[in-house]
Amino acid sequence: MSVTMSRYKQPKKLENLALCRLGDWVAQQAECQMLPIAMLSQKDPSTAQDTLSHNVDCIRGYLDVNVPWMLHDLLVNEAIRALSSLLDKTKQSLGFRGCMGKFVSQMNVIVKMAEVLFTKNLTIVSVDTIPKMLRTVFYSKLYMLNGLVYLNLGSLSGGWKTSDMEYAVIKSLKELHRLKYLFINYDCTDNILRCVVENCKLLEKLDVSCSKCITNESMDIVAKMKNLRSVQLYRTFVTLEGFVKLLIKCRNIEDIGRCDEIGKILEYIDLNYCEITTFNLKSYVSRYATLNQLQLAVQMCPYIRSMTVFHNTLQSDLMVLIGLGELKELKLLSCDFYADQIKQILQVKGCNLVNLHLEHVDQIDLNALMYISQMCPFLESLTLYNCTLIQHTSLYTKKLEIEPFRNLKKITCVSTCTDEQLLFMLTNCINVQFIHLGTAIQLTDEFMFNILDKNPLVYLKELRIMQSDFLTMISVQRIIQSCMSLEILVELESWTLLTENDREYIRNYIKVNNYNIDTAPIRRYDS
């Protein structure tokens, strides 16, 4: 689809319309069942439940036969949407003198109707996205979804009723033989891990963060998962001993998530297991690292692609990182651009980098931004978070050999910076698709026009300007006219010069012109 076409809302595909109506049809079936089931419940509750179960089984079989398997996940989303709306409608219909027995019967029918979605064709379930009223049926009937590939059980009981949740989880996991991705936060136990080992042979990623029942002994069980590539153990009771056991026994592990002790773990292995020379880790995330620990990381984990490290000037030298031959993503915290030789690191490794995240990094001036643009020509994502951007003392006078930031797709600047620095970044990233500007940056109409005159941002899809005391309706209109691919324009509620009438006018203007732009207030922290 061309840029010109994508700026306008397109008619929905017949496939999407059909799935939407089918989701509504599922909700209508629940609504049609309410009255007869309620009446039957008054006479014979047991027969009412059997009748409802039989009807649900018939509808499930009908959907299983008539909906192509590759569309079932999309159908589930539409059906949950429709059932959720019906739940809200039913709640609102309960008046002050309404019959509570009838209301409970109606709610039970809606919840029960969610079971029509439980077939082998469902491959993705993320409980956090399911309305709370419907979660119970998913928890209790997960064993029916034997085609699941991705399962995110969320926080379950939040660690308060771990033993109560264990039985239901194990009962379900015994049937999920195709599972590759499993997330159980707070409530994972050793018994659940044993069940995974025995029944989920294809599992590649396991997240048991915040589960207090996971200890060093649990690592003996995890080590039996032969296809495991990633395991998240943050805020569990796994200590250095457990991580050592994990790395030695699971030689295919590529990611252990955030582990502030990883440096000490590598030192311990280097000291006590001389025969083990390298690991397959591709991600390194630690808030503490000495020079020796970084050297061991480079030596023992040569395949690292993503490096996140908190710099301590007195203990580590970042230049060690140039030894990582496959480094693609670099996140540095608490350091100085020049004093800690970040420039020199980028000079050597910049051509490899596609993602650069600088957090609490000082000494960044316009020259530093120019160096980044020249040394990292393939950079796709740049983040400056709480950095100190300073005025330059002497400007880089050479003509830039490479056009700056031509491959940049995503830019996040949550730092105070000068107009000149911001102008350099935003006028050169001609292919950028995502821009996030923090509250410390105060744009004006004139500055916005200056940017768009030099770089119309025709590929920009999402713009987040978190706060502004100076931008007006003129800027909004210019942004909409210039950014032809724009789909999301948010945080207008934080532009103090815009009134509610202004925002209503913007919404109507977008609607009348059929622009494909969403201005609804949202909060996303995935930048």
Protein backbone atom coordinates (compact mmCIF):
# COMPACT_ATOMS: atom_id res chain seq x y z
CA MET A 1 0.00 0.00 0.00
CA SER A 2 1.40 3.41 -0.94
CA VAL A 3 2.05 6.20 1.57
CA THR A 4 -0.77 8.25 0.03
CA MET A 5 -3.28 5.43 0.36
CA SER A 6 -2.23 4.43 3.89
CA ARG A 7 -3.09 7.84 5.35
CA TYR A 8 -6.77 7.22 4.68
CA LYS A 9 -8.90 4.67 6.47
CA GLN A 10 -9.52 1.76 4.15
CA PRO A 11 -12.66 -0.38 4.01
CA LYS A 12 -12.28 -3.46 6.16
CA LYS A 13 -11.47 -6.66 4.35
CA LEU A 14 -14.32 -9.09 3.92
CA GLU A 15 -12.38 -11.56 6.03
CA ASN A 16 -12.21 -9.08 8.94
CA LEU A 17 -15.89 -8.18 8.57
CA ALA A 18 -16.84 -11.86 8.59
CA LEU A 19 -14.78 -12.53 11.73
CA CYS A 20 -16.27 -9.48 13.45
CA ARG A 21 -19.82 -10.59 12.68
CA LEU A 22 -19.01 -14.15 13.72
CA GLY A 23 -17.76 -12.84 17.06
CA ASP A 24 -21.05 -10.93 17.43
CA TRP A 25 -22.93 -14.12 16.50
CA VAL A 26 -21.24 -15.99 19.37
CA ALA A 27 -22.41 -13.28 21.78
CA GLN A 28 -25.91 -13.44 20.28
CA GLN A 29 -26.00 -17.18 20.90
CA ALA A 30 -25.22 -16.50 24.56
CA GLU A 31 -27.99 -13.89 24.68
CA CYS A 32 -30.47 -16.30 23.11
CA GLN A 33 -29.63 -18.96 25.70
CA MET A 34 -30.18 -16.67 28.69
CA LEU A 35 -33.96 -16.84 29.05
CA PRO A 36 -34.52 -20.58 28.44
CA ILE A 37 -31.60 -21.55 30.68
CA ALA A 38 -32.81 -19.19 33.43
CA MET A 39 -36.31 -20.69 33.29
CA LEU A 40 -34.96 -24.24 33.24
CA SER A 41 -32.67 -23.48 36.19
CA GLN A 42 -35.65 -22.65 38.34
CA LYS A 43 -37.10 -26.12 37.76
CA ASP A 44 -34.00 -28.31 37.41
CA PRO A 45 -30.55 -26.66 37.79
CA SER A 46 -28.69 -29.84 36.85
CA THR A 47 -30.60 -30.27 33.57
CA ALA A 48 -30.08 -26.58 32.81
CA GLN A 49 -26.31 -26.98 33.12
CA ASP A 50 -26.32 -30.13 30.97
CA THR A 51 -28.41 -28.40 28.31
CA LEU A 52 -26.13 -25.38 28.25
CA SER A 53 -23.03 -27.58 28.02
CA HIS A 54 -24.59 -29.53 25.13
CA ASN A 55 -25.43 -26.30 23.26
CA VAL A 56 -21.90 -24.97 23.80
CA ASP A 57 -20.42 -28.22 22.46
CA CYS A 58 -22.61 -27.98 19.34
CA ILE A 59 -21.57 -24.38 18.66
CA ARG A 60 -17.92 -25.27 19.23
CA GLY A 61 -18.16 -28.10 16.71
CA TYR A 62 -19.89 -25.80 14.23
CA LEU A 63 -17.12 -23.21 14.49
CA ASP A 64 -14.39 -25.86 14.35
CA VAL A 65 -15.74 -27.21 11.07
CA ASN A 66 -16.51 -23.91 9.34
CA VAL A 67 -13.70 -21.54 10.44
CA PRO A 68 -10.30 -22.10 8.74
CA TRP A 69 -7.72 -23.06 11.34
CA MET A 70 -5.41 -20.16 10.49
CA LEU A 71 -8.16 -17.65 11.37
CA HIS A 72 -9.12 -19.13 14.73
CA ASP A 73 -6.87 -16.84 16.80
CA LEU A 74 -8.45 -13.81 15.15
CA LEU A 75 -11.93 -15.21 15.76
CA VAL A 76 -11.11 -15.63 19.45
CA ASN A 77 -10.19 -11.95 19.71
CA GLU A 78 -13.48 -10.90 18.12
CA ALA A 79 -15.57 -13.29 20.21
CA ILE A 80 -13.94 -12.10 23.46
CA ARG A 81 -14.63 -8.51 22.41
CA ALA A 82 -18.30 -9.30 21.79
CA LEU A 83 -18.72 -11.36 24.97
CA SER A 84 -17.04 -8.61 26.99
CA SER A 85 -19.53 -6.07 25.61
CA LEU A 86 -22.39 -8.43 26.49
CA LEU A 87 -21.06 -8.76 30.04
CA ASP A 88 -21.08 -4.97 30.43
CA LYS A 89 -24.55 -4.72 28.92
CA THR A 90 -25.88 -7.38 31.29
CA LYS A 91 -24.32 -5.69 34.34
CA GLN A 92 -25.94 -2.39 33.43
CA SER A 93 -29.33 -4.04 32.97
CA LEU A 94 -29.45 -5.12 36.62
CA GLY A 95 -31.74 -2.56 38.22
CA PHE A 96 -32.23 -1.79 41.90
CA ARG A 97 -35.03 -4.33 42.11
CA GLY A 98 -33.59 -6.81 39.64
CA CYS A 99 -33.66 -10.52 40.36
CA MET A 100 -30.18 -11.59 41.49
CA GLY A 101 -30.82 -15.24 40.60
CA LYS A 102 -31.70 -14.34 37.04
CA PHE A 103 -28.67 -12.05 36.80
CA VAL A 104 -26.27 -14.75 38.01
CA SER A 105 -27.77 -17.22 35.53
CA GLN A 106 -27.25 -14.75 32.67
CA MET A 107 -23.64 -14.11 33.64
CA ASN A 108 -22.98 -17.87 33.87
CA VAL A 109 -24.32 -18.35 30.33
CA ILE A 110 -21.98 -15.66 28.96
CA VAL A 111 -18.94 -17.09 30.73
CA LYS A 112 -19.85 -20.62 29.66
CA MET A 113 -20.20 -19.47 26.03
CA ALA A 114 -16.48 -18.59 26.00
CA GLU A 115 -15.84 -22.34 25.90
CA VAL A 116 -16.98 -22.47 22.26
CA LEU A 117 -13.52 -21.03 21.45
CA PHE A 118 -11.66 -23.91 23.08
CA THR A 119 -10.40 -25.98 20.17
CA LYS A 120 -7.08 -27.37 19.04
CA ASN A 121 -6.78 -24.49 16.53
CA LEU A 122 -6.21 -21.84 19.20
CA THR A 123 -2.45 -21.18 19.35
CA ILE A 124 -2.08 -17.99 21.41
CA VAL A 125 -3.50 -17.16 24.84
CA SER A 126 -2.47 -14.14 26.90
CA VAL A 127 -4.61 -14.08 30.03
CA ASP A 128 -3.82 -10.43 30.80
CA THR A 129 -5.74 -9.37 27.69
CA ILE A 130 -8.87 -11.33 28.66
CA PRO A 131 -11.61 -9.65 30.76
CA LYS A 132 -11.45 -10.76 34.40
CA MET A 133 -14.93 -12.32 34.28
CA LEU A 134 -13.79 -14.70 31.53
CA ARG A 135 -10.39 -15.60 32.97
CA THR A 136 -11.75 -18.27 35.29
CA VAL A 137 -13.01 -20.40 32.42
CA PHE A 138 -9.64 -20.08 30.67
CA TYR A 139 -7.76 -21.13 33.80
CA SER A 140 -10.04 -24.13 34.35
CA LYS A 141 -10.32 -25.29 30.71
CA LEU A 142 -6.82 -24.68 29.37
CA TYR A 143 -6.30 -28.41 29.01
CA MET A 144 -8.70 -28.33 26.05
CA LEU A 145 -6.33 -26.06 24.09
CA ASN A 146 -3.87 -28.75 23.06
CA GLY A 147 -2.73 -26.73 20.05
CA LEU A 148 -1.35 -23.84 22.12
CA VAL A 149 2.07 -22.54 21.13
CA TYR A 150 2.15 -19.36 23.24
CA LEU A 151 0.72 -19.20 26.77
CA ASN A 152 0.98 -16.20 29.06
CA LEU A 153 -0.74 -16.90 32.38
CA GLY A 154 0.13 -13.46 33.71
CA SER A 155 0.54 -13.01 37.46
CA LEU A 156 -2.10 -15.64 38.40
CA SER A 157 -2.67 -15.07 42.15
CA GLY A 158 0.28 -12.69 42.48
CA GLY A 159 2.02 -15.22 44.71
CA TRP A 160 -0.74 -15.23 47.34
CA LYS A 161 -2.35 -18.58 46.47
CA THR A 162 0.39 -20.47 44.70
CA SER A 163 -0.60 -23.89 46.06
CA ASP A 164 -4.22 -23.34 45.03
CA MET A 165 -3.25 -22.50 41.44
CA GLU A 166 -0.74 -25.33 41.06
CA TYR A 167 -3.22 -28.16 40.42
CA ALA A 168 -5.11 -26.33 37.65
CA VAL A 169 -1.90 -25.27 35.92
CA ILE A 170 -0.43 -28.78 36.00
CA LYS A 171 -3.69 -30.30 34.74
CA SER A 172 -3.55 -27.97 31.74
CA LEU A 173 0.16 -28.29 30.97
CA LYS A 174 -0.15 -32.08 30.73
CA GLU A 175 -2.07 -31.59 27.47
CA LEU A 176 -0.08 -28.74 25.92
CA HIS A 177 2.48 -30.73 23.97
CA ARG A 178 3.04 -28.06 21.30
CA LEU A 179 3.86 -25.24 23.71
CA LYS A 180 6.96 -23.19 22.86
CA TYR A 181 6.51 -20.04 24.96
CA LEU A 182 5.34 -20.15 28.59
CA PHE A 183 4.98 -17.23 31.03
CA ILE A 184 4.08 -17.95 34.67
CA ASN A 185 4.90 -15.03 36.94
CA TYR A 186 4.68 -15.22 40.76
CA ASP A 187 3.13 -18.70 41.01
CA CYS A 188 5.47 -21.16 39.32
CA THR A 189 6.62 -24.16 41.39
CA ASP A 190 8.95 -27.12 41.01
CA ASN A 191 5.98 -29.41 40.38
CA ILE A 192 4.89 -27.20 37.49
CA LEU A 193 8.44 -27.29 36.09
CA ARG A 194 8.49 -31.10 36.29
CA CYS A 195 5.21 -31.19 34.39
CA VAL A 196 6.71 -28.93 31.72
CA VAL A 197 9.74 -31.20 31.36
CA GLU A 198 7.55 -34.27 30.91
CA ASN A 199 4.91 -32.82 28.59
CA CYS A 200 6.18 -29.65 26.85
CA LYS A 201 9.17 -31.02 25.00
CA LEU A 202 9.24 -28.16 22.46
CA LEU A 203 9.46 -25.33 25.00
CA GLU A 204 11.95 -22.64 23.94
CA LYS A 205 11.17 -19.72 26.25
CA LEU A 206 10.23 -19.83 29.94
CA ASP A 207 9.46 -16.81 32.14
CA VAL A 208 8.99 -17.51 35.87
CA SER A 209 9.89 -14.03 37.13
CA CYS A 210 8.90 -13.15 40.72
CA SER A 211 8.08 -16.78 41.58
CA LYS A 212 9.34 -17.23 45.14
CA CYS A 213 9.11 -21.03 44.94
CA ILE A 214 11.82 -21.13 42.26
CA THR A 215 15.18 -21.82 43.92
CA ASN A 216 18.60 -23.23 43.08
CA GLU A 217 17.18 -26.77 43.21
CA SER A 218 14.71 -25.78 40.47
CA MET A 219 17.62 -25.40 38.05
CA ASP A 220 18.15 -29.18 38.01
CA ILE A 221 14.64 -29.46 36.58
CA VAL A 222 15.08 -26.58 34.10
CA ALA A 223 18.29 -28.23 32.86
CA LYS A 224 16.20 -31.12 31.50
CA MET A 225 14.39 -28.83 29.02
CA LYS A 226 16.48 -29.70 25.98
CA ASN A 227 15.07 -27.07 23.59
CA LEU A 228 15.10 -24.17 26.06
CA ARG A 229 16.77 -21.03 24.69
CA SER A 230 15.54 -18.34 27.07
CA VAL A 231 14.65 -18.38 30.79
CA GLN A 232 13.71 -15.34 32.89
CA LEU A 233 14.50 -15.74 36.59
CA TYR A 234 14.47 -12.15 37.81
CA ARG A 235 13.27 -11.74 41.42
CA THR A 236 13.18 -15.46 42.12
CA PHE A 237 15.23 -17.14 44.84
CA VAL A 238 17.83 -18.41 42.38
CA THR A 239 21.29 -17.32 43.55
CA LEU A 240 24.80 -17.51 42.07
CA GLU A 241 24.92 -21.26 42.69
CA GLY A 242 21.71 -21.83 40.73
CA PHE A 243 22.79 -19.71 37.76
CA VAL A 244 26.13 -21.55 37.62
CA LYS A 245 24.25 -24.84 37.55
CA LEU A 246 21.94 -23.52 34.80
CA LEU A 247 24.74 -22.32 32.51
CA ILE A 248 26.82 -25.46 32.91
CA LYS A 249 23.95 -27.88 32.31
CA CYS A 250 22.03 -25.88 29.67
CA ARG A 251 24.68 -25.12 27.09
CA ASN A 252 22.10 -23.95 24.53
CA ILE A 253 20.74 -21.13 26.73
CA GLU A 254 20.91 -17.80 24.88
CA ASP A 255 19.14 -15.48 27.31
CA ILE A 256 18.81 -15.52 31.11
CA GLY A 257 17.22 -12.07 31.32
CA ARG A 258 18.40 -9.46 33.79
CA CYS A 259 20.99 -10.98 36.08
CA ASP A 260 23.06 -8.51 38.08
CA GLU A 261 25.30 -11.34 39.30
CA ILE A 262 26.26 -12.55 35.82
CA GLY A 263 29.78 -11.13 36.20
CA LYS A 264 30.37 -13.03 39.46
CA ILE A 265 28.83 -16.13 37.90
CA LEU A 266 31.33 -16.07 35.03
CA GLU A 267 34.19 -15.47 37.47
CA TYR A 268 33.11 -18.47 39.55
CA ILE A 269 32.87 -20.72 36.48
CA ASP A 270 36.23 -19.51 35.17
CA LEU A 271 37.84 -20.28 38.52
CA ASN A 272 36.23 -23.67 39.19
CA TYR A 273 35.41 -25.14 35.76
CA CYS A 274 38.51 -24.63 33.63
CA GLU A 275 37.32 -27.09 30.98
CA ILE A 276 34.34 -24.86 30.12
CA THR A 277 35.49 -22.05 27.85
CA THR A 278 32.45 -20.56 26.10
CA PHE A 279 28.68 -20.22 26.42
CA ASN A 280 25.98 -19.54 23.86
CA LEU A 281 24.56 -16.45 25.62
CA LYS A 282 23.37 -13.78 23.19
CA SER A 283 22.01 -11.32 25.75
CA TYR A 284 23.87 -9.80 28.69
CA VAL A 285 21.96 -7.59 31.16
CA SER A 286 23.63 -6.49 34.37
CA ARG A 287 23.71 -3.40 36.56
CA TYR A 288 27.11 -4.24 37.99
CA ALA A 289 30.28 -5.17 36.13
CA THR A 290 33.99 -4.87 36.92
CA LEU A 291 36.72 -4.80 34.29
CA ASN A 292 37.53 -8.48 34.84
CA GLN A 293 33.85 -9.43 34.59
CA LEU A 294 33.46 -7.58 31.27
CA GLN A 295 36.62 -9.24 29.96
CA LEU A 296 35.24 -12.64 30.91
CA ALA A 297 31.92 -11.79 29.23
CA VAL A 298 33.74 -11.04 25.99
CA GLN A 299 35.92 -14.12 26.32
CA MET A 300 33.33 -16.66 27.52
CA CYS A 301 30.23 -15.30 25.71
CA PRO A 302 31.52 -14.41 22.24
CA TYR A 303 28.05 -14.59 20.65
CA ILE A 304 26.52 -11.71 22.63
CA ARG A 305 24.28 -9.62 20.38
CA SER A 306 22.63 -7.46 23.04
CA MET A 307 24.69 -5.86 25.82
CA THR A 308 23.24 -3.85 28.72
CA VAL A 309 25.73 -2.67 31.32
CA PHE A 310 25.89 -0.11 34.13
CA HIS A 311 29.29 1.57 34.01
CA ASN A 312 31.40 2.16 37.10
CA THR A 313 34.32 4.44 36.25
CA LEU A 314 36.48 3.07 39.05
CA GLN A 315 35.93 -0.60 38.22
CA SER A 316 35.41 -1.10 34.49
CA ASP A 317 36.70 -0.03 31.09
CA LEU A 318 34.05 -0.05 28.35
CA MET A 319 36.64 -0.42 25.60
CA VAL A 320 36.61 -4.14 26.40
CA LEU A 321 33.28 -4.33 24.52
CA ILE A 322 34.98 -3.94 21.14
CA GLY A 323 35.88 -7.62 21.41
CA LEU A 324 32.24 -8.64 20.88
CA GLY A 325 32.15 -9.58 17.22
CA GLU A 326 28.37 -10.04 16.91
CA LEU A 327 27.19 -7.05 18.97
CA LYS A 328 24.00 -5.51 17.50
CA GLU A 329 22.31 -3.80 20.45
CA LEU A 330 24.14 -1.69 23.01
CA LYS A 331 22.61 -0.13 26.15
CA LEU A 332 24.93 1.89 28.36
CA LEU A 333 23.98 3.39 31.71
CA SER A 334 25.75 6.03 33.82
CA CYS A 335 28.85 7.02 31.87
CA ASP A 336 30.45 9.91 29.93
CA PHE A 337 30.49 9.94 26.13
CA TYR A 338 34.07 11.16 25.79
CA ALA A 339 35.72 10.35 29.15
CA ASP A 340 34.55 6.72 29.05
CA GLN A 341 35.52 6.28 25.39
CA ILE A 342 32.06 5.64 24.01
CA LYS A 343 33.17 7.48 20.87
CA GLN A 344 36.04 5.01 20.42
CA ILE A 345 33.72 2.05 21.00
CA LEU A 346 31.34 3.30 18.31
CA GLN A 347 34.26 3.92 15.99
CA VAL A 348 35.04 0.20 16.10
CA LYS A 349 31.60 -1.40 16.60
CA GLY A 350 29.24 1.26 15.24
CA CYS A 351 28.84 -0.37 11.82
CA ASN A 352 27.38 -3.45 13.55
CA LEU A 353 24.87 -1.62 15.74
CA VAL A 354 21.16 -1.39 14.95
CA ASN A 355 20.05 -0.33 18.43
CA LEU A 356 21.79 2.21 20.69
CA HIS A 357 20.37 3.14 24.10
CA LEU A 358 22.18 5.75 26.20
CA GLU A 359 20.82 6.30 29.70
CA HIS A 360 22.22 8.84 32.18
CA VAL A 361 25.11 9.44 29.79
CA ASP A 362 26.85 12.83 30.14
CA GLN A 363 29.03 14.89 27.76
CA ILE A 364 26.71 14.45 24.77
CA ASP A 365 26.95 17.50 22.51
CA LEU A 366 26.18 18.11 18.86
CA ASN A 367 29.55 16.64 17.91
CA ALA A 368 28.65 13.42 19.76
CA LEU A 369 25.39 13.17 17.80
CA MET A 370 27.33 13.68 14.58
CA TYR A 371 29.80 10.96 15.57
CA ILE A 372 26.91 8.57 16.28
CA SER A 373 25.35 9.36 12.88
CA GLN A 374 28.63 8.69 11.08
CA MET A 375 29.90 5.71 13.06
CA CYS A 376 26.54 3.91 13.24
CA PRO A 377 25.23 4.15 9.66
CA PHE A 378 22.84 1.19 10.03
CA LEU A 379 21.33 2.35 13.32
CA GLU A 380 17.56 1.72 13.43
CA SER A 381 16.75 2.73 17.02
CA LEU A 382 18.29 5.54 19.09
CA THR A 383 17.30 6.28 22.69
CA LEU A 384 18.59 9.16 24.82
CA TYR A 385 17.09 8.73 28.29
CA ASN A 386 17.85 11.21 31.07
CA CYS A 387 21.11 12.13 29.40
CA THR A 388 22.92 15.45 29.80
CA LEU A 389 23.13 17.07 26.39
CA ILE A 390 25.50 20.04 26.51
CA GLN A 391 26.49 22.93 24.27
CA HIS A 392 29.45 22.11 22.07
CA THR A 393 32.68 24.04 22.57
CA SER A 394 34.00 23.49 19.05
CA LEU A 395 31.95 22.10 16.19
CA TYR A 396 32.87 19.12 14.04
CA THR A 397 33.92 21.00 10.91
CA LYS A 398 34.51 18.18 8.43
CA LYS A 399 31.84 17.55 5.86
CA LEU A 400 29.78 14.53 6.90
CA GLU A 401 30.73 11.65 4.64
CA ILE A 402 27.58 9.65 5.38
CA GLU A 403 24.09 11.12 5.32
CA PRO A 404 23.06 11.10 9.02
CA PHE A 405 20.47 8.73 10.45
CA ARG A 406 19.15 7.53 7.10
CA ASN A 407 18.26 4.07 8.48
CA LEU A 408 16.80 5.30 11.76
CA LYS A 409 13.26 3.97 12.31
CA LYS A 410 12.77 4.79 15.97
CA ILE A 411 13.97 7.75 18.03
CA THR A 412 13.28 8.34 21.73
CA CYS A 413 14.59 11.49 23.40
CA VAL A 414 13.69 11.87 27.07
CA SER A 415 16.46 14.35 27.84
CA THR A 416 16.99 18.09 27.86
CA CYS A 417 18.65 19.18 24.64
CA THR A 418 19.22 22.33 22.61
CA ASP A 419 17.19 23.27 19.54
CA GLU A 420 20.26 22.73 17.40
CA GLN A 421 20.75 19.17 18.65
CA LEU A 422 17.08 18.28 18.26
CA LEU A 423 17.00 19.86 14.81
CA PHE A 424 20.01 17.79 13.73
CA MET A 425 18.31 14.55 14.78
CA LEU A 426 14.80 15.23 13.50
CA THR A 427 15.68 16.83 10.17
CA ASN A 428 17.99 13.99 9.14
CA CYS A 429 15.98 10.89 10.11
CA ILE A 430 13.91 10.97 6.91
CA ASN A 431 12.77 7.33 7.26
CA VAL A 432 11.79 7.46 10.92
CA GLN A 433 8.52 5.73 11.87
CA PHE A 434 8.35 6.38 15.64
CA ILE A 435 9.22 9.54 17.61
CA HIS A 436 8.90 9.94 21.37
CA LEU A 437 9.85 13.29 22.93
CA GLY A 438 9.89 13.66 26.73
CA THR A 439 8.54 16.42 28.92
CA ALA A 440 11.91 18.23 29.10
CA ILE A 441 11.64 19.14 25.41
CA GLN A 442 9.46 22.19 24.75
CA LEU A 443 8.69 22.65 21.07
CA THR A 444 7.16 25.76 19.51
CA ASP A 445 5.07 26.17 16.38
CA GLU A 446 7.98 27.86 14.64
CA PHE A 447 10.38 25.05 15.53
CA MET A 448 7.90 22.39 14.39
CA PHE A 449 7.48 24.16 11.05
CA ASN A 450 11.26 24.38 10.71
CA ILE A 451 11.56 20.60 11.16
CA LEU A 452 8.76 19.75 8.75
CA ASP A 453 10.04 22.17 6.10
CA LYS A 454 13.33 20.25 6.02
CA ASN A 455 11.98 16.76 6.76
CA PRO A 456 8.24 16.18 6.12
CA LEU A 457 8.42 12.87 8.08
CA VAL A 458 6.38 11.12 5.41
CA TYR A 459 7.05 7.67 6.91
CA LEU A 460 6.25 8.62 10.51
CA LYS A 461 3.58 6.32 11.97
CA GLU A 462 3.55 7.29 15.65
CA LEU A 463 4.32 10.64 17.30
CA ARG A 464 4.37 11.12 21.06
CA ILE A 465 5.11 14.61 22.38
CA MET A 466 4.58 14.04 26.08
CA GLN A 467 4.06 17.66 27.10
CA SER A 468 4.07 21.11 25.53
CA ASP A 469 3.35 24.62 26.76
CA PHE A 470 3.79 26.26 23.36
CA LEU A 471 2.41 24.06 20.56
CA THR A 472 -0.97 25.10 19.18
CA MET A 473 -3.60 23.93 16.70
CA ILE A 474 -1.42 25.23 13.88
CA SER A 475 1.22 22.58 14.63
CA VAL A 476 -1.35 19.81 14.86
CA GLN A 477 -2.76 20.68 11.45
CA ARG A 478 0.69 20.92 9.91
CA ILE A 479 1.70 17.56 11.41
CA ILE A 480 -1.42 15.87 10.02
CA GLN A 481 -0.91 17.41 6.57
CA SER A 482 2.82 16.66 6.37
CA CYS A 483 3.12 13.21 8.01
CA MET A 484 1.28 11.18 5.40
CA SER A 485 1.78 7.81 7.12
CA LEU A 486 0.78 8.99 10.59
CA GLU A 487 -1.44 6.52 12.45
CA ILE A 488 -1.03 7.53 16.11
CA LEU A 489 -0.80 11.08 17.48
CA VAL A 490 -1.09 10.95 21.26
CA GLU A 491 -0.64 12.97 24.46
CA LEU A 492 -2.52 15.98 23.03
CA GLU A 493 -4.14 16.20 26.47
CA SER A 494 -0.75 17.40 27.77
CA TRP A 495 -0.51 20.30 25.31
CA THR A 496 -1.63 23.11 27.60
CA LEU A 497 -2.59 25.55 24.83
CA LEU A 498 -5.11 23.08 23.40
CA THR A 499 -8.60 23.26 24.84
CA GLU A 500 -11.08 20.38 24.89
CA ASN A 501 -12.89 22.10 22.02
CA ASP A 502 -9.62 22.11 20.07
CA ARG A 503 -9.15 18.40 20.63
CA GLU A 504 -12.75 17.72 19.61
CA TYR A 505 -12.19 19.77 16.46
CA ILE A 506 -9.07 17.70 15.67
CA ARG A 507 -11.02 14.44 16.08
CA ASN A 508 -13.80 15.72 13.81
CA TYR A 509 -11.28 17.01 11.27
CA ILE A 510 -9.65 13.57 11.11
CA LYS A 511 -13.02 11.86 10.82
CA VAL A 512 -14.35 14.17 8.08
CA ASN A 513 -11.19 13.74 6.02
CA ASN A 514 -11.14 9.97 6.66
CA TYR A 515 -7.56 10.07 7.95
CA ASN A 516 -6.23 6.88 9.52
CA ILE A 517 -5.06 8.64 12.70
CA ASP A 518 -5.82 7.68 16.28
CA THR A 519 -5.61 10.47 18.90
CA ALA A 520 -7.15 8.54 21.79
CA PRO A 521 -5.07 8.94 24.98
CA ILE A 522 -2.90 5.90 25.56
CA ARG A 523 0.15 5.12 27.64
CA ARG A 524 2.80 2.82 26.25
CA TYR A 525 6.17 2.18 27.79
CA ASP A 526 7.69 -0.15 25.20
CA SER A 527 9.95 2.46 23.67
